[in-house]
Amino acid sequence: MDAKRILKYLRVLMANNNREWYWEHKAEYDAVRADFEEGVQLALGRIAAFDGTIAHLSVKDCTYRFNRDTRFSPDKSPYKNHLGAYIAAHGKKALHGGYYLHLEPDHCMVACGNYWLPTNILTACRNEIMANTDEWLRCVENKTFRKYYGSKSIGSIEHPLDVSSWDQPQGFGIERLKTCPAGFPRDWEHIEYLRMKDYCCWHRVADDFFQGDGWIDEAVRMFKAAKPMMDFINAVIDDYE
C-alpha cells in the first residue's frame, strides 16, 4: 500500500470534511480506496494461509462504507477520517471475532478479537474461562501475546490488562466492570478476566507501518499471537450464533 498517499488524503479530508470538497477530490479518493483494497486483498491471502475459516471472504466482505451514519451523532461530518477492514469469518456484523486493519493519521493500528458482546455471551465466556483457566492463561499470558498486547512501561512488559484506551500503544480489553460480575467469586485469582466486557486486543503502529508490502509479515505475527485467545472466545460465541 501507498500509506503515505492514503494518510495524506485522510489528513486533508479531516480539515475539509464536507461533501463539496469530497466530490471535488473524488478521483483521489477512488485511487486511495483502490490502493487500500489491494492491501486488504494481500491480508486476506496471508491470513487464509493460517486461518482457513476466512478463505471464502472477498475484499467487499471486509471493508466499510466511507460515509458516516450521522443520525444520532452531534458530529455531522459526512465522511470517516479512516479506512478500516475487518476480516471475520462470519461477516462484519457478526459477534464471531476477526482481524482488523485501521489506517488513520496518527492512529494506525492492528487489532484482533471480539467487541460489544451481549451479557449472556459474556457470562458464558466468563464461565468458560473459569472452567478452562490453564488453557486461557496459555492464550493470554504467554510471552508473544504480551509482546504485542501487554501494556508497556519504560522498557518492560506489564500485565496485559493495565490499559483500557485505544490511545494507549497496545492493550487487551477496552471495557471492564469496576467490580466482579454478579454470580462469580470475588476472590478468584484471575478476576481481572471476569471483569472484561470485550476480548479485543490492539497494537498501535506508526503511520509508515503500512507503506509498501512488507507490513504484512509483522501484521501476520500480531494476528497469530492473538488467534489462540480469539479462538477460545469464538468457540463460546459460536454456540449462540
C-alpha atoms as a PDB file:
ATOM      1  CA  MET A   1       0.000   0.000   0.000  1.00  0.00           C
ATOM      2  CA  ASP A   2       0.987   3.587  -0.516  1.00  0.00           C
ATOM      3  CA  ALA A   3       0.209   4.503   3.087  1.00  0.00           C
ATOM      4  CA  LYS A   4       1.745   7.959   2.699  1.00  0.00           C
ATOM      5  CA  ARG A   5      -0.716   8.849  -0.042  1.00  0.00           C
ATOM      6  CA  ILE A   6      -3.673   7.337   1.830  1.00  0.00           C
ATOM      7  CA  LEU A   7      -2.898   9.137   5.072  1.00  0.00           C
ATOM      8  CA  LYS A   8      -2.173  12.407   3.281  1.00  0.00           C
ATOM      9  CA  TYR A   9      -5.613  12.263   1.695  1.00  0.00           C
ATOM     10  CA  LEU A  10      -7.264  11.449   5.030  1.00  0.00           C
ATOM     11  CA  ARG A  11      -5.394  14.224   6.819  1.00  0.00           C
ATOM     12  CA  VAL A  12      -6.545  16.829   4.284  1.00  0.00           C
ATOM     13  CA  LEU A  13     -10.073  15.421   4.384  1.00  0.00           C
ATOM     14  CA  MET A  14     -10.144  15.889   8.163  1.00  0.00           C
ATOM     15  CA  ALA A  15      -9.673  19.614   7.599  1.00  0.00           C
ATOM     16  CA  ASN A  16     -12.258  19.708   4.780  1.00  0.00           C
ATOM     17  CA  ASN A  17     -14.875  17.160   5.793  1.00  0.00           C
ATOM     18  CA  ASN A  18     -17.746  18.295   3.609  1.00  0.00           C
ATOM     19  CA  ARG A  19     -19.449  16.978   0.519  1.00  0.00           C
ATOM     20  CA  GLU A  20     -18.245  19.756  -1.754  1.00  0.00           C
ATOM     21  CA  TRP A  21     -14.576  19.049  -1.053  1.00  0.00           C
ATOM     22  CA  TYR A  22     -15.102  15.303  -1.263  1.00  0.00           C
ATOM     23  CA  TRP A  23     -16.661  15.436  -4.706  1.00  0.00           C
ATOM     24  CA  GLU A  24     -14.048  17.875  -5.976  1.00  0.00           C
ATOM     25  CA  HIS A  25     -11.401  15.315  -4.966  1.00  0.00           C
ATOM     26  CA  LYS A  26     -13.352  12.151  -5.780  1.00  0.00           C
ATOM     27  CA  ALA A  27     -10.672  10.861  -8.152  1.00  0.00           C
ATOM     28  CA  GLU A  28      -8.100  10.939  -5.346  1.00  0.00           C
ATOM     29  CA  TYR A  29     -10.472   9.117  -3.016  1.00  0.00           C
ATOM     30  CA  ASP A  30     -11.045   6.427  -5.634  1.00  0.00           C
ATOM     31  CA  ALA A  31      -7.290   5.999  -6.053  1.00  0.00           C
ATOM     32  CA  VAL A  32      -6.503   5.680  -2.340  1.00  0.00           C
ATOM     33  CA  ARG A  33      -9.512   3.415  -1.793  1.00  0.00           C
ATOM     34  CA  ALA A  34      -8.338   1.082  -4.572  1.00  0.00           C
ATOM     35  CA  ASP A  35      -4.845   1.033  -3.102  1.00  0.00           C
ATOM     36  CA  PHE A  36      -6.186   0.246   0.369  1.00  0.00           C
ATOM     37  CA  GLU A  37      -8.297  -2.583  -1.026  1.00  0.00           C
ATOM     38  CA  GLU A  38      -5.208  -4.092  -2.652  1.00  0.00           C
ATOM     39  CA  GLY A  39      -3.676  -4.163   0.820  1.00  0.00           C
ATOM     40  CA  VAL A  40      -6.781  -5.864   2.216  1.00  0.00           C
ATOM     41  CA  GLN A  41      -6.573  -8.475  -0.554  1.00  0.00           C
ATOM     42  CA  LEU A  42      -2.958  -9.119   0.409  1.00  0.00           C
ATOM     43  CA  ALA A  43      -4.006  -9.553   4.040  1.00  0.00           C
ATOM     44  CA  LEU A  44      -6.803 -11.940   3.072  1.00  0.00           C
ATOM     45  CA  GLY A  45      -4.381 -14.237   1.279  1.00  0.00           C
ATOM     46  CA  ARG A  46      -1.845 -14.278   4.081  1.00  0.00           C
ATOM     47  CA  ILE A  47      -4.384 -14.765   6.875  1.00  0.00           C
ATOM     48  CA  ALA A  48      -6.140 -17.560   4.990  1.00  0.00           C
ATOM     49  CA  ALA A  49      -2.838 -19.446   4.982  1.00  0.00           C
ATOM     50  CA  PHE A  50      -3.078 -19.958   8.761  1.00  0.00           C
ATOM     51  CA  ASP A  51      -6.825 -19.447   9.310  1.00  0.00           C
ATOM     52  CA  GLY A  52      -8.824 -21.224   6.628  1.00  0.00           C
ATOM     53  CA  THR A  53     -12.140 -20.045   8.071  1.00  0.00           C
ATOM     54  CA  ILE A  54     -11.762 -16.688   6.312  1.00  0.00           C
ATOM     55  CA  ALA A  55     -10.709 -18.088   2.923  1.00  0.00           C
ATOM     56  CA  HIS A  56     -14.186 -17.502   1.434  1.00  0.00           C
ATOM     57  CA  LEU A  57     -14.145 -13.753   2.096  1.00  0.00           C
ATOM     58  CA  SER A  58     -13.764 -11.056  -0.539  1.00  0.00           C
ATOM     59  CA  VAL A  59     -12.460  -7.526  -0.017  1.00  0.00           C
ATOM     60  CA  LYS A  60     -16.031  -6.240  -0.166  1.00  0.00           C
ATOM     61  CA  ASP A  61     -16.964  -8.532   2.727  1.00  0.00           C
ATOM     62  CA  CYS A  62     -14.329  -6.862   4.921  1.00  0.00           C
ATOM     63  CA  THR A  63     -14.445  -3.140   4.125  1.00  0.00           C
ATOM     64  CA  TYR A  64     -16.848  -0.399   5.148  1.00  0.00           C
ATOM     65  CA  ARG A  65     -18.715   2.484   3.568  1.00  0.00           C
ATOM     66  CA  PHE A  66     -16.815   5.766   3.782  1.00  0.00           C
ATOM     67  CA  ASN A  67     -19.939   7.728   4.653  1.00  0.00           C
ATOM     68  CA  ARG A  68     -20.640   8.218   8.358  1.00  0.00           C
ATOM     69  CA  ASP A  69     -24.019   7.493   9.924  1.00  0.00           C
ATOM     70  CA  THR A  70     -24.729  10.898  11.452  1.00  0.00           C
ATOM     71  CA  ARG A  71     -28.363  10.331  12.502  1.00  0.00           C
ATOM     72  CA  PHE A  72     -27.621  10.047  16.229  1.00  0.00           C
ATOM     73  CA  SER A  73     -24.295  11.868  16.400  1.00  0.00           C
ATOM     74  CA  PRO A  74     -23.668  15.544  17.256  1.00  0.00           C
ATOM     75  CA  ASP A  75     -20.799  15.381  14.749  1.00  0.00           C
ATOM     76  CA  LYS A  76     -22.390  15.808  11.337  1.00  0.00           C
ATOM     77  CA  SER A  77     -19.166  15.362   9.342  1.00  0.00           C
ATOM     78  CA  PRO A  78     -20.290  13.242   6.396  1.00  0.00           C
ATOM     79  CA  TYR A  79     -17.151  11.129   5.966  1.00  0.00           C
ATOM     80  CA  LYS A  80     -14.938   8.963   8.137  1.00  0.00           C
ATOM     81  CA  ASN A  81     -11.359  10.004   8.846  1.00  0.00           C
ATOM     82  CA  HIS A  82     -10.023   6.475   8.474  1.00  0.00           C
ATOM     83  CA  LEU A  83     -10.062   3.371   6.307  1.00  0.00           C
ATOM     84  CA  GLY A  84     -10.603   0.052   8.048  1.00  0.00           C
ATOM     85  CA  ALA A  85     -11.048  -3.609   7.206  1.00  0.00           C
ATOM     86  CA  TYR A  86     -12.486  -6.288   9.491  1.00  0.00           C
ATOM     87  CA  ILE A  87     -11.628  -9.785   8.325  1.00  0.00           C
ATOM     88  CA  ALA A  88     -14.109 -12.011  10.172  1.00  0.00           C
ATOM     89  CA  ALA A  89     -15.272 -15.449   9.083  1.00  0.00           C
ATOM     90  CA  HIS A  90     -18.937 -14.798   9.906  1.00  0.00           C
ATOM     91  CA  GLY A  91     -19.025 -11.288   8.492  1.00  0.00           C
ATOM     92  CA  LYS A  92     -18.520  -7.719   9.667  1.00  0.00           C
ATOM     93  CA  LYS A  93     -21.701  -7.602  11.754  1.00  0.00           C
ATOM     94  CA  ALA A  94     -21.359 -10.983  13.449  1.00  0.00           C
ATOM     95  CA  LEU A  95     -20.270 -11.454  17.063  1.00  0.00           C
ATOM     96  CA  HIS A  96     -17.655 -14.007  15.965  1.00  0.00           C
ATOM     97  CA  GLY A  97     -14.286 -12.228  16.244  1.00  0.00           C
ATOM     98  CA  GLY A  98     -11.830 -11.386  13.495  1.00  0.00           C
ATOM     99  CA  TYR A  99      -8.770  -9.438  12.370  1.00  0.00           C
ATOM    100  CA  TYR A 100      -8.775  -5.672  11.931  1.00  0.00           C
ATOM    101  CA  LEU A 101      -6.620  -3.181   9.987  1.00  0.00           C
ATOM    102  CA  HIS A 102      -7.003   0.549  10.623  1.00  0.00           C
ATOM    103  CA  LEU A 103      -5.412   3.457   8.723  1.00  0.00           C
ATOM    104  CA  GLU A 104      -5.932   6.873  10.295  1.00  0.00           C
ATOM    105  CA  PRO A 105      -3.454   9.748  10.600  1.00  0.00           C
ATOM    106  CA  ASP A 106      -1.528   9.301  13.871  1.00  0.00           C
ATOM    107  CA  HIS A 107      -3.849   6.449  14.910  1.00  0.00           C
ATOM    108  CA  CYS A 108      -2.962   3.460  12.730  1.00  0.00           C
ATOM    109  CA  MET A 109      -3.313   0.060  14.360  1.00  0.00           C
ATOM    110  CA  VAL A 110      -3.745  -3.682  14.056  1.00  0.00           C
ATOM    111  CA  ALA A 111      -6.367  -5.381  16.229  1.00  0.00           C
ATOM    112  CA  CYS A 112      -7.951  -8.747  16.811  1.00  0.00           C
ATOM    113  CA  GLY A 113     -10.847 -10.233  18.742  1.00  0.00           C
ATOM    114  CA  ASN A 114     -14.427  -9.546  19.791  1.00  0.00           C
ATOM    115  CA  TYR A 115     -16.189  -6.335  20.750  1.00  0.00           C
ATOM    116  CA  TRP A 116     -19.580  -5.393  22.252  1.00  0.00           C
ATOM    117  CA  LEU A 117     -20.644  -8.856  23.352  1.00  0.00           C
ATOM    118  CA  PRO A 118     -24.135  -9.184  24.903  1.00  0.00           C
ATOM    119  CA  THR A 119     -24.413 -10.040  28.590  1.00  0.00           C
ATOM    120  CA  ASN A 120     -25.484 -13.653  28.146  1.00  0.00           C
ATOM    121  CA  ILE A 121     -22.461 -14.416  25.951  1.00  0.00           C
ATOM    122  CA  LEU A 122     -20.120 -12.566  28.298  1.00  0.00           C
ATOM    123  CA  THR A 123     -21.416 -14.736  31.125  1.00  0.00           C
ATOM    124  CA  ALA A 124     -20.769 -17.848  29.055  1.00  0.00           C
ATOM    125  CA  CYS A 125     -17.238 -16.642  28.230  1.00  0.00           C
ATOM    126  CA  ARG A 126     -16.531 -15.999  31.901  1.00  0.00           C
ATOM    127  CA  ASN A 127     -17.743 -19.465  32.809  1.00  0.00           C
ATOM    128  CA  GLU A 128     -15.531 -20.966  30.112  1.00  0.00           C
ATOM    129  CA  ILE A 129     -12.505 -19.047  31.381  1.00  0.00           C
ATOM    130  CA  MET A 130     -13.107 -20.338  34.904  1.00  0.00           C
ATOM    131  CA  ALA A 131     -13.663 -23.895  33.688  1.00  0.00           C
ATOM    132  CA  ASN A 132     -10.541 -23.922  31.487  1.00  0.00           C
ATOM    133  CA  THR A 133      -8.271 -21.469  33.260  1.00  0.00           C
ATOM    134  CA  ASP A 134      -4.952 -23.067  32.311  1.00  0.00           C
ATOM    135  CA  GLU A 135      -5.852 -23.052  28.610  1.00  0.00           C
ATOM    136  CA  TRP A 136      -6.971 -19.413  28.823  1.00  0.00           C
ATOM    137  CA  LEU A 137      -3.792 -18.323  30.554  1.00  0.00           C
ATOM    138  CA  ARG A 138      -1.707 -20.054  27.887  1.00  0.00           C
ATOM    139  CA  CYS A 139      -3.555 -17.920  25.314  1.00  0.00           C
ATOM    140  CA  VAL A 140      -3.175 -14.524  27.005  1.00  0.00           C
ATOM    141  CA  GLU A 141      -0.224 -14.671  29.367  1.00  0.00           C
ATOM    142  CA  ASN A 142       2.425 -16.066  27.061  1.00  0.00           C
ATOM    143  CA  LYS A 143       5.444 -14.008  26.026  1.00  0.00           C
ATOM    144  CA  THR A 144       4.323 -13.391  22.434  1.00  0.00           C
ATOM    145  CA  PHE A 145       0.831 -12.185  23.335  1.00  0.00           C
ATOM    146  CA  ARG A 146       2.224  -9.812  25.937  1.00  0.00           C
ATOM    147  CA  LYS A 147       4.840  -8.540  23.494  1.00  0.00           C
ATOM    148  CA  TYR A 148       2.155  -7.181  21.203  1.00  0.00           C
ATOM    149  CA  TYR A 149      -0.803  -6.615  23.532  1.00  0.00           C
ATOM    150  CA  GLY A 150       0.561  -6.140  27.043  1.00  0.00           C
ATOM    151  CA  SER A 151       0.881  -2.595  28.369  1.00  0.00           C
ATOM    152  CA  LYS A 152       4.372  -1.153  28.036  1.00  0.00           C
ATOM    153  CA  SER A 153       6.272   0.889  30.606  1.00  0.00           C
ATOM    154  CA  ILE A 154       9.873   2.072  30.299  1.00  0.00           C
ATOM    155  CA  GLY A 155      11.225  -0.967  28.536  1.00  0.00           C
ATOM    156  CA  SER A 156       9.254  -3.620  30.433  1.00  0.00           C
ATOM    157  CA  ILE A 157       6.168  -5.679  29.594  1.00  0.00           C
ATOM    158  CA  GLU A 158       3.489  -5.438  32.274  1.00  0.00           C
ATOM    159  CA  HIS A 159       0.206  -7.263  32.723  1.00  0.00           C
ATOM    160  CA  PRO A 160      -1.951  -7.091  29.583  1.00  0.00           C
ATOM    161  CA  LEU A 161      -4.927  -5.610  31.458  1.00  0.00           C
ATOM    162  CA  ASP A 162      -3.242  -2.460  32.732  1.00  0.00           C
ATOM    163  CA  VAL A 163      -4.682  -0.244  29.976  1.00  0.00           C
ATOM    164  CA  SER A 164      -8.168   0.460  28.666  1.00  0.00           C
ATOM    165  CA  SER A 165      -7.912   3.080  25.936  1.00  0.00           C
ATOM    166  CA  TRP A 166      -7.391   2.978  22.176  1.00  0.00           C
ATOM    167  CA  ASP A 167      -4.973   5.855  22.758  1.00  0.00           C
ATOM    168  CA  GLN A 168      -2.572   3.512  24.542  1.00  0.00           C
ATOM    169  CA  PRO A 169       0.187   1.964  22.376  1.00  0.00           C
ATOM    170  CA  GLN A 170      -1.257  -1.521  22.879  1.00  0.00           C
ATOM    171  CA  GLY A 171      -3.595  -3.406  25.154  1.00  0.00           C
ATOM    172  CA  PHE A 172      -6.205  -6.079  25.785  1.00  0.00           C
ATOM    173  CA  GLY A 173      -9.759  -5.179  26.747  1.00  0.00           C
ATOM    174  CA  ILE A 174     -11.319  -1.737  26.286  1.00  0.00           C
ATOM    175  CA  GLU A 175     -14.291  -2.022  28.652  1.00  0.00           C
ATOM    176  CA  ARG A 176     -14.401  -3.750  32.023  1.00  0.00           C
ATOM    177  CA  LEU A 177     -16.577  -3.797  35.096  1.00  0.00           C
ATOM    178  CA  LYS A 178     -15.387  -1.934  38.183  1.00  0.00           C
ATOM    179  CA  THR A 179     -16.198  -4.947  40.343  1.00  0.00           C
ATOM    180  CA  CYS A 180     -16.747  -8.666  39.949  1.00  0.00           C
ATOM    181  CA  PRO A 181     -19.717  -9.625  37.726  1.00  0.00           C
ATOM    182  CA  ALA A 182     -22.769 -10.901  39.599  1.00  0.00           C
ATOM    183  CA  GLY A 183     -22.712 -14.605  40.348  1.00  0.00           C
ATOM    184  CA  PHE A 184     -18.926 -15.001  40.152  1.00  0.00           C
ATOM    185  CA  PRO A 185     -16.485 -15.387  43.070  1.00  0.00           C
ATOM    186  CA  ARG A 186     -14.948 -12.078  44.086  1.00  0.00           C
ATOM    187  CA  ASP A 187     -11.825 -13.759  45.429  1.00  0.00           C
ATOM    188  CA  TRP A 188     -10.971 -15.719  42.270  1.00  0.00           C
ATOM    189  CA  GLU A 189      -7.263 -15.445  41.473  1.00  0.00           C
ATOM    190  CA  HIS A 190      -7.760 -14.205  37.899  1.00  0.00           C
ATOM    191  CA  ILE A 191     -10.796 -11.987  38.474  1.00  0.00           C
ATOM    192  CA  GLU A 192      -9.446  -9.353  36.076  1.00  0.00           C
ATOM    193  CA  TYR A 193     -10.504 -11.600  33.185  1.00  0.00           C
ATOM    194  CA  LEU A 194     -14.040 -11.923  34.567  1.00  0.00           C
ATOM    195  CA  ARG A 195     -14.390  -8.137  34.703  1.00  0.00           C
ATOM    196  CA  MET A 196     -13.709  -7.778  30.976  1.00  0.00           C
ATOM    197  CA  LYS A 197     -16.653  -6.745  28.775  1.00  0.00           C
ATOM    198  CA  ASP A 198     -14.829  -7.379  25.498  1.00  0.00           C
ATOM    199  CA  TYR A 199     -11.974  -9.558  24.277  1.00  0.00           C
ATOM    200  CA  CYS A 200     -10.335  -7.174  21.831  1.00  0.00           C
ATOM    201  CA  CYS A 201      -6.582  -6.676  21.700  1.00  0.00           C
ATOM    202  CA  TRP A 202      -4.820  -3.952  19.720  1.00  0.00           C
ATOM    203  CA  HIS A 203      -1.371  -2.737  18.763  1.00  0.00           C
ATOM    204  CA  ARG A 204      -0.837   0.823  17.534  1.00  0.00           C
ATOM    205  CA  VAL A 205       1.654   1.258  14.686  1.00  0.00           C
ATOM    206  CA  ALA A 206       3.472   4.208  13.139  1.00  0.00           C
ATOM    207  CA  ASP A 207       1.948   5.968  10.136  1.00  0.00           C
ATOM    208  CA  ASP A 208       4.612   4.481   7.862  1.00  0.00           C
ATOM    209  CA  PHE A 209       3.918   0.910   9.054  1.00  0.00           C
ATOM    210  CA  PHE A 210       1.619   0.088   6.127  1.00  0.00           C
ATOM    211  CA  GLN A 211       3.909   1.576   3.469  1.00  0.00           C
ATOM    212  CA  GLY A 212       4.729  -0.949   0.731  1.00  0.00           C
ATOM    213  CA  ASP A 213       4.054  -4.673   1.202  1.00  0.00           C
ATOM    214  CA  GLY A 214       6.496  -5.536   3.993  1.00  0.00           C
ATOM    215  CA  TRP A 215       3.953  -4.656   6.717  1.00  0.00           C
ATOM    216  CA  ILE A 216       2.004  -7.860   6.187  1.00  0.00           C
ATOM    217  CA  ASP A 217       4.741 -10.026   7.738  1.00  0.00           C
ATOM    218  CA  GLU A 218       4.592  -8.160  11.052  1.00  0.00           C
ATOM    219  CA  ALA A 219       0.799  -7.908  10.939  1.00  0.00           C
ATOM    220  CA  VAL A 220       0.588 -11.681  10.492  1.00  0.00           C
ATOM    221  CA  ARG A 221       2.827 -12.177  13.518  1.00  0.00           C
ATOM    222  CA  MET A 222       0.481  -9.969  15.552  1.00  0.00           C
ATOM    223  CA  PHE A 223      -2.590 -11.831  14.331  1.00  0.00           C
ATOM    224  CA  LYS A 224      -1.052 -15.226  15.044  1.00  0.00           C
ATOM    225  CA  ALA A 225      -0.194 -14.099  18.583  1.00  0.00           C
ATOM    226  CA  ALA A 226      -3.841 -13.194  19.198  1.00  0.00           C
ATOM    227  CA  LYS A 227      -5.503 -16.098  17.388  1.00  0.00           C
ATOM    228  CA  PRO A 228      -5.491 -18.610  20.303  1.00  0.00           C
ATOM    229  CA  MET A 229      -7.290 -16.080  22.515  1.00  0.00           C
ATOM    230  CA  MET A 230      -9.792 -15.300  19.778  1.00  0.00           C
ATOM    231  CA  ASP A 231     -10.375 -18.991  19.024  1.00  0.00           C
ATOM    232  CA  PHE A 232     -11.075 -19.623  22.714  1.00  0.00           C
ATOM    233  CA  ILE A 233     -13.747 -16.904  22.820  1.00  0.00           C
ATOM    234  CA  ASN A 234     -15.150 -17.691  19.363  1.00  0.00           C
ATOM    235  CA  ALA A 235     -15.755 -21.293  20.430  1.00  0.00           C
ATOM    236  CA  VAL A 236     -18.149 -19.930  23.068  1.00  0.00           C
ATOM    237  CA  ILE A 237     -19.773 -17.336  20.799  1.00  0.00           C
ATOM    238  CA  ASP A 238     -20.407 -19.848  18.030  1.00  0.00           C
ATOM    239  CA  ASP A 239     -22.799 -21.741  20.316  1.00  0.00           C
ATOM    240  CA  TYR A 240     -25.036 -18.663  20.232  1.00  0.00           C
ATOM    241  CA  GLU A 241     -24.818 -17.589  16.568  1.00  0.00           C
END
